[in-house]
Amino acid sequence: MLVLFERRLAGGLAFSCEGGPLGSVMLPLAWTDRGPAVAVTPLTYEVLVELAVEVAAVKSRHAG
């Protein structure tokens, strides 16, 4: 399927694709093979804690 253009919508990135005789179709990124690879393991609370620590560090550097 040929991608004609991409557009940012309220729900995220979407692609307008050639749809043959019916015209074109807009597909969300999640419906294509162009998004990030699926994680091998589920997200754990340890990873979320690490992320929270990093976000707090960045916020404190930019505060004040």
PDB file of N, CA and C in Angstrom:
ATOM      1  N   MET A   1       0.857  -1.172   0.000  1.00  0.00           N
ATOM      2  CA  MET A   1       0.000   0.000   0.000  1.00  0.00           C
ATOM      3  C   MET A   1       0.901   1.232   0.000  1.00  0.00           C
ATOM      4  N   LEU A   2       0.662   2.155  -0.879  1.00  0.00           N
ATOM      5  CA  LEU A   2       1.453   3.369  -1.025  1.00  0.00           C
ATOM      6  C   LEU A   2       0.965   4.427  -0.042  1.00  0.00           C
ATOM      7  N   VAL A   3       1.894   4.988   0.750  1.00  0.00           N
ATOM      8  CA  VAL A   3       1.567   6.077   1.672  1.00  0.00           C
ATOM      9  C   VAL A   3       1.639   7.386   0.891  1.00  0.00           C
ATOM     10  N   LEU A   4       0.548   8.144   0.914  1.00  0.00           N
ATOM     11  CA  LEU A   4       0.486   9.404   0.192  1.00  0.00           C
ATOM     12  C   LEU A   4       1.020  10.560   1.027  1.00  0.00           C
ATOM     13  N   PHE A   5       0.635  10.600   2.295  1.00  0.00           N
ATOM     14  CA  PHE A   5       1.128  11.616   3.229  1.00  0.00           C
ATOM     15  C   PHE A   5       0.796  11.179   4.639  1.00  0.00           C
ATOM     16  N   GLU A   6       1.400  11.868   5.608  1.00  0.00           N
ATOM     17  CA  GLU A   6       1.083  11.593   7.014  1.00  0.00           C
ATOM     18  C   GLU A   6       0.522  12.854   7.642  1.00  0.00           C
ATOM     19  N   ARG A   7      -0.270  12.658   8.693  1.00  0.00           N
ATOM     20  CA  ARG A   7      -0.915  13.795   9.355  1.00  0.00           C
ATOM     21  C   ARG A   7      -1.003  13.516  10.850  1.00  0.00           C
ATOM     22  N   ARG A   8      -0.782  14.549  11.640  1.00  0.00           N
ATOM     23  CA  ARG A   8      -0.964  14.442  13.089  1.00  0.00           C
ATOM     24  C   ARG A   8      -2.415  14.761  13.397  1.00  0.00           C
ATOM     25  N   LEU A   9      -3.080  13.809  14.031  1.00  0.00           N
ATOM     26  CA  LEU A   9      -4.472  13.983  14.430  1.00  0.00           C
ATOM     27  C   LEU A   9      -4.556  13.977  15.948  1.00  0.00           C
ATOM     28  N   ALA A  10      -5.706  14.244  16.494  1.00  0.00           N
ATOM     29  CA  ALA A  10      -5.881  14.250  17.951  1.00  0.00           C
ATOM     30  C   ALA A  10      -5.465  12.913  18.561  1.00  0.00           C
ATOM     31  N   GLY A  11      -5.698  11.809  17.864  1.00  0.00           N
ATOM     32  CA  GLY A  11      -5.344  10.482  18.365  1.00  0.00           C
ATOM     33  C   GLY A  11      -3.918  10.076  18.082  1.00  0.00           C
ATOM     34  N   GLY A  12      -3.144  10.924  17.401  1.00  0.00           N
ATOM     35  CA  GLY A  12      -1.762  10.610  17.074  1.00  0.00           C
ATOM     36  C   GLY A  12      -1.520  10.649  15.579  1.00  0.00           C
ATOM     37  N   LEU A  13      -0.402  10.099  15.163  1.00  0.00           N
ATOM     38  CA  LEU A  13       0.002  10.106  13.766  1.00  0.00           C
ATOM     39  C   LEU A  13      -0.849   9.145  12.947  1.00  0.00           C
ATOM     40  N   ALA A  14      -1.228   9.570  11.730  1.00  0.00           N
ATOM     41  CA  ALA A  14      -2.005   8.725  10.828  1.00  0.00           C
ATOM     42  C   ALA A  14      -1.438   8.878   9.422  1.00  0.00           C
ATOM     43  N   PHE A  15      -1.645   7.862   8.600  1.00  0.00           N
ATOM     44  CA  PHE A  15      -1.148   7.852   7.228  1.00  0.00           C
ATOM     45  C   PHE A  15      -2.321   7.799   6.264  1.00  0.00           C
ATOM     46  N   SER A  16      -2.257   8.643   5.236  1.00  0.00           N
ATOM     47  CA  SER A  16      -3.208   8.548   4.143  1.00  0.00           C
ATOM     48  C   SER A  16      -2.587   7.620   3.117  1.00  0.00           C
ATOM     49  N   CYS A  17      -3.288   6.541   2.807  1.00  0.00           N
ATOM     50  CA  CYS A  17      -2.744   5.505   1.929  1.00  0.00           C
ATOM     51  C   CYS A  17      -3.616   5.344   0.697  1.00  0.00           C
ATOM     52  N   GLU A  18      -2.963   4.977  -0.407  1.00  0.00           N
ATOM     53  CA  GLU A  18      -3.682   4.696  -1.639  1.00  0.00           C
ATOM     54  C   GLU A  18      -4.605   3.512  -1.409  1.00  0.00           C
ATOM     55  N   GLY A  19      -5.869   3.674  -1.762  1.00  0.00           N
ATOM     56  CA  GLY A  19      -6.845   2.613  -1.527  1.00  0.00           C
ATOM     57  C   GLY A  19      -7.391   1.979  -2.789  1.00  0.00           C
ATOM     58  N   GLY A  20      -6.695   2.162  -3.916  1.00  0.00           N
ATOM     59  CA  GLY A  20      -7.155   1.570  -5.163  1.00  0.00           C
ATOM     60  C   GLY A  20      -8.359   2.296  -5.718  1.00  0.00           C
ATOM     61  N   PRO A  21      -9.279   1.578  -6.342  1.00  0.00           N
ATOM     62  CA  PRO A  21     -10.421   2.219  -7.000  1.00  0.00           C
ATOM     63  C   PRO A  21     -11.354   2.954  -6.035  1.00  0.00           C
ATOM     64  N   LEU A  22     -11.250   2.683  -4.754  1.00  0.00           N
ATOM     65  CA  LEU A  22     -12.127   3.347  -3.783  1.00  0.00           C
ATOM     66  C   LEU A  22     -11.567   4.681  -3.298  1.00  0.00           C
ATOM     67  N   GLY A  23     -10.374   5.048  -3.737  1.00  0.00           N
ATOM     68  CA  GLY A  23      -9.780   6.316  -3.315  1.00  0.00           C
ATOM     69  C   GLY A  23      -8.652   6.091  -2.332  1.00  0.00           C
ATOM     70  N   SER A  24      -8.652   6.858  -1.264  1.00  0.00           N
ATOM     71  CA  SER A  24      -7.606   6.725  -0.243  1.00  0.00           C
ATOM     72  C   SER A  24      -8.242   6.404   1.103  1.00  0.00           C
ATOM     73  N   VAL A  25      -7.402   5.952   2.030  1.00  0.00           N
ATOM     74  CA  VAL A  25      -7.877   5.605   3.359  1.00  0.00           C
ATOM     75  C   VAL A  25      -6.875   6.134   4.385  1.00  0.00           C
ATOM     76  N   MET A  26      -7.375   6.657   5.499  1.00  0.00           N
ATOM     77  CA  MET A  26      -6.527   7.173   6.563  1.00  0.00           C
ATOM     78  C   MET A  26      -6.396   6.090   7.632  1.00  0.00           C
ATOM     79  N   LEU A  27      -5.151   5.686   7.924  1.00  0.00           N
ATOM     80  CA  LEU A  27      -4.893   4.632   8.903  1.00  0.00           C
ATOM     81  C   LEU A  27      -4.071   5.174  10.062  1.00  0.00           C
ATOM     82  N   PRO A  28      -4.458   4.884  11.303  1.00  0.00           N
ATOM     83  CA  PRO A  28      -3.632   5.275  12.437  1.00  0.00           C
ATOM     84  C   PRO A  28      -2.315   4.498  12.427  1.00  0.00           C
ATOM     85  N   LEU A  29      -1.279   5.101  12.962  1.00  0.00           N
ATOM     86  CA  LEU A  29       0.045   4.486  13.017  1.00  0.00           C
ATOM     87  C   LEU A  29       0.002   3.078  13.609  1.00  0.00           C
ATOM     88  N   ALA A  30      -0.799   2.881  14.645  1.00  0.00           N
ATOM     89  CA  ALA A  30      -0.869   1.577  15.324  1.00  0.00           C
ATOM     90  C   ALA A  30      -1.367   0.462  14.406  1.00  0.00           C
ATOM     91  N   TRP A  31      -2.043   0.801  13.328  1.00  0.00           N
ATOM     92  CA  TRP A  31      -2.573  -0.202  12.407  1.00  0.00           C
ATOM     93  C   TRP A  31      -1.573  -0.578  11.329  1.00  0.00           C
ATOM     94  N   THR A  32      -0.393   0.029  11.346  1.00  0.00           N
ATOM     95  CA  THR A  32       0.596  -0.208  10.295  1.00  0.00           C
ATOM     96  C   THR A  32       1.828  -0.903  10.869  1.00  0.00           C
ATOM     97  N   ASP A  33       2.767  -1.209   9.975  1.00  0.00           N
ATOM     98  CA  ASP A  33       4.044  -1.781  10.404  1.00  0.00           C
ATOM     99  C   ASP A  33       5.106  -0.700  10.562  1.00  0.00           C
ATOM    100  N   ARG A  34       4.720   0.558  10.593  1.00  0.00           N
ATOM    101  CA  ARG A  34       5.670   1.666  10.659  1.00  0.00           C
ATOM    102  C   ARG A  34       5.916   2.167  12.075  1.00  0.00           C
ATOM    103  N   GLY A  35       5.220   1.658  13.055  1.00  0.00           N
ATOM    104  CA  GLY A  35       5.392   2.096  14.424  1.00  0.00           C
ATOM    105  C   GLY A  35       6.559   1.399  15.095  1.00  0.00           C
ATOM    106  N   PRO A  36       6.806   1.735  16.355  1.00  0.00           N
ATOM    107  CA  PRO A  36       7.878   1.076  17.096  1.00  0.00           C
ATOM    108  C   PRO A  36       7.586  -0.406  17.292  1.00  0.00           C
ATOM    109  N   ALA A  37       8.654  -1.177  17.421  1.00  0.00           N
ATOM    110  CA  ALA A  37       8.506  -2.618  17.649  1.00  0.00           C
ATOM    111  C   ALA A  37       7.837  -2.872  18.997  1.00  0.00           C
ATOM    112  N   VAL A  38       7.081  -3.923  19.065  1.00  0.00           N
ATOM    113  CA  VAL A  38       6.413  -4.301  20.304  1.00  0.00           C
ATOM    114  C   VAL A  38       7.458  -4.774  21.312  1.00  0.00           C
ATOM    115  N   ALA A  39       7.269  -4.407  22.559  1.00  0.00           N
ATOM    116  CA  ALA A  39       8.201  -4.823  23.607  1.00  0.00           C
ATOM    117  C   ALA A  39       8.184  -6.337  23.777  1.00  0.00           C
ATOM    118  N   VAL A  40       9.339  -6.873  24.131  1.00  0.00           N
ATOM    119  CA  VAL A  40       9.456  -8.317  24.333  1.00  0.00           C
ATOM    120  C   VAL A  40       8.785  -8.726  25.640  1.00  0.00           C
ATOM    121  N   THR A  41       8.877  -7.860  26.651  1.00  0.00           N
ATOM    122  CA  THR A  41       8.282  -8.153  27.958  1.00  0.00           C
ATOM    123  C   THR A  41       7.303  -7.042  28.330  1.00  0.00           C
ATOM    124  N   PRO A  42       6.356  -7.335  29.203  1.00  0.00           N
ATOM    125  CA  PRO A  42       5.421  -6.293  29.630  1.00  0.00           C
ATOM    126  C   PRO A  42       6.124  -5.219  30.464  1.00  0.00           C
ATOM    127  N   LEU A  43       5.535  -4.042  30.482  1.00  0.00           N
ATOM    128  CA  LEU A  43       6.058  -2.949  31.292  1.00  0.00           C
ATOM    129  C   LEU A  43       5.883  -3.291  32.768  1.00  0.00           C
ATOM    130  N   THR A  44       6.945  -3.119  33.543  1.00  0.00           N
ATOM    131  CA  THR A  44       6.886  -3.443  34.971  1.00  0.00           C
ATOM    132  C   THR A  44       6.869  -2.170  35.805  1.00  0.00           C
ATOM    133  N   TYR A  45       6.500  -2.297  37.058  1.00  0.00           N
ATOM    134  CA  TYR A  45       6.487  -1.124  37.922  1.00  0.00           C
ATOM    135  C   TYR A  45       7.899  -0.617  38.172  1.00  0.00           C
ATOM    136  N   GLU A  46       8.899  -1.494  38.123  1.00  0.00           N
ATOM    137  CA  GLU A  46      10.294  -1.053  38.312  1.00  0.00           C
ATOM    138  C   GLU A  46      10.701  -0.081  37.204  1.00  0.00           C
ATOM    139  N   VAL A  47      10.290  -0.371  35.983  1.00  0.00           N
ATOM    140  CA  VAL A  47      10.612   0.524  34.873  1.00  0.00           C
ATOM    141  C   VAL A  47       9.893   1.856  35.050  1.00  0.00           C
ATOM    142  N   LEU A  48       8.648   1.819  35.504  1.00  0.00           N
ATOM    143  CA  LEU A  48       7.907   3.057  35.746  1.00  0.00           C
ATOM    144  C   LEU A  48       8.548   3.883  36.855  1.00  0.00           C
ATOM    145  N   VAL A  49       9.055   3.230  37.882  1.00  0.00           N
ATOM    146  CA  VAL A  49       9.750   3.945  38.964  1.00  0.00           C
ATOM    147  C   VAL A  49      11.002   4.615  38.415  1.00  0.00           C
ATOM    148  N   GLU A  50      11.770   3.913  37.586  1.00  0.00           N
ATOM    149  CA  GLU A  50      12.972   4.496  36.979  1.00  0.00           C
ATOM    150  C   GLU A  50      12.603   5.707  36.118  1.00  0.00           C
ATOM    151  N   LEU A  51      11.531   5.568  35.355  1.00  0.00           N
ATOM    152  CA  LEU A  51      11.082   6.673  34.512  1.00  0.00           C
ATOM    153  C   LEU A  51      10.687   7.874  35.373  1.00  0.00           C
ATOM    154  N   ALA A  52       9.965   7.647  36.461  1.00  0.00           N
ATOM    155  CA  ALA A  52       9.549   8.731  37.359  1.00  0.00           C
ATOM    156  C   ALA A  52      10.758   9.452  37.944  1.00  0.00           C
ATOM    157  N   VAL A  53      11.795   8.708  38.292  1.00  0.00           N
ATOM    158  CA  VAL A  53      13.029   9.309  38.823  1.00  0.00           C
ATOM    159  C   VAL A  53      13.667  10.213  37.767  1.00  0.00           C
ATOM    160  N   GLU A  54      13.733   9.736  36.531  1.00  0.00           N
ATOM    161  CA  GLU A  54      14.330  10.523  35.454  1.00  0.00           C
ATOM    162  C   GLU A  54      13.519  11.779  35.160  1.00  0.00           C
ATOM    163  N   VAL A  55      12.203  11.655  35.134  1.00  0.00           N
ATOM    164  CA  VAL A  55      11.340  12.812  34.870  1.00  0.00           C
ATOM    165  C   VAL A  55      11.496  13.839  35.983  1.00  0.00           C
ATOM    166  N   ALA A  56      11.547  13.396  37.223  1.00  0.00           N
ATOM    167  CA  ALA A  56      11.728  14.309  38.363  1.00  0.00           C
ATOM    168  C   ALA A  56      13.071  15.036  38.263  1.00  0.00           C
ATOM    169  N   ALA A  57      14.107  14.335  37.842  1.00  0.00           N
ATOM    170  CA  ALA A  57      15.432  14.952  37.711  1.00  0.00           C
ATOM    171  C   ALA A  57      15.420  16.031  36.628  1.00  0.00           C
ATOM    172  N   VAL A  58      14.778  15.750  35.510  1.00  0.00           N
ATOM    173  CA  VAL A  58      14.706  16.726  34.432  1.00  0.00           C
ATOM    174  C   VAL A  58      13.884  17.933  34.863  1.00  0.00           C
ATOM    175  N   LYS A  59      12.755  17.689  35.543  1.00  0.00           N
ATOM    176  CA  LYS A  59      11.912  18.788  36.005  1.00  0.00           C
ATOM    177  C   LYS A  59      12.663  19.672  36.991  1.00  0.00           C
ATOM    178  N   SER A  60      13.444  19.078  37.883  1.00  0.00           N
ATOM    179  CA  SER A  60      14.168  19.877  38.879  1.00  0.00           C
ATOM    180  C   SER A  60      15.260  20.724  38.224  1.00  0.00           C
ATOM    181  N   ARG A  61      15.845  20.258  37.123  1.00  0.00           N
ATOM    182  CA  ARG A  61      16.860  21.040  36.418  1.00  0.00           C
ATOM    183  C   ARG A  61      16.236  22.239  35.709  1.00  0.00           C
ATOM    184  N   HIS A  62      14.985  22.114  35.300  1.00  0.00           N
ATOM    185  CA  HIS A  62      14.337  23.187  34.559  1.00  0.00           C
ATOM    186  C   HIS A  62      13.451  24.066  35.434  1.00  0.00           C
ATOM    187  N   ALA A  63      13.325  23.750  36.696  1.00  0.00           N
ATOM    188  CA  ALA A  63      12.487  24.545  37.600  1.00  0.00           C
ATOM    189  C   ALA A  63      13.264  25.758  38.103  1.00  0.00           C
ATOM    190  N   GLY A  64      12.522  26.799  38.357  1.00  0.00           N
ATOM    191  CA  GLY A  64      13.032  27.930  39.037  1.00  0.00           C
ATOM    192  C   GLY A  64      13.897  28.815  38.332  1.00  0.00           C
TER     193      GLY A  64
END
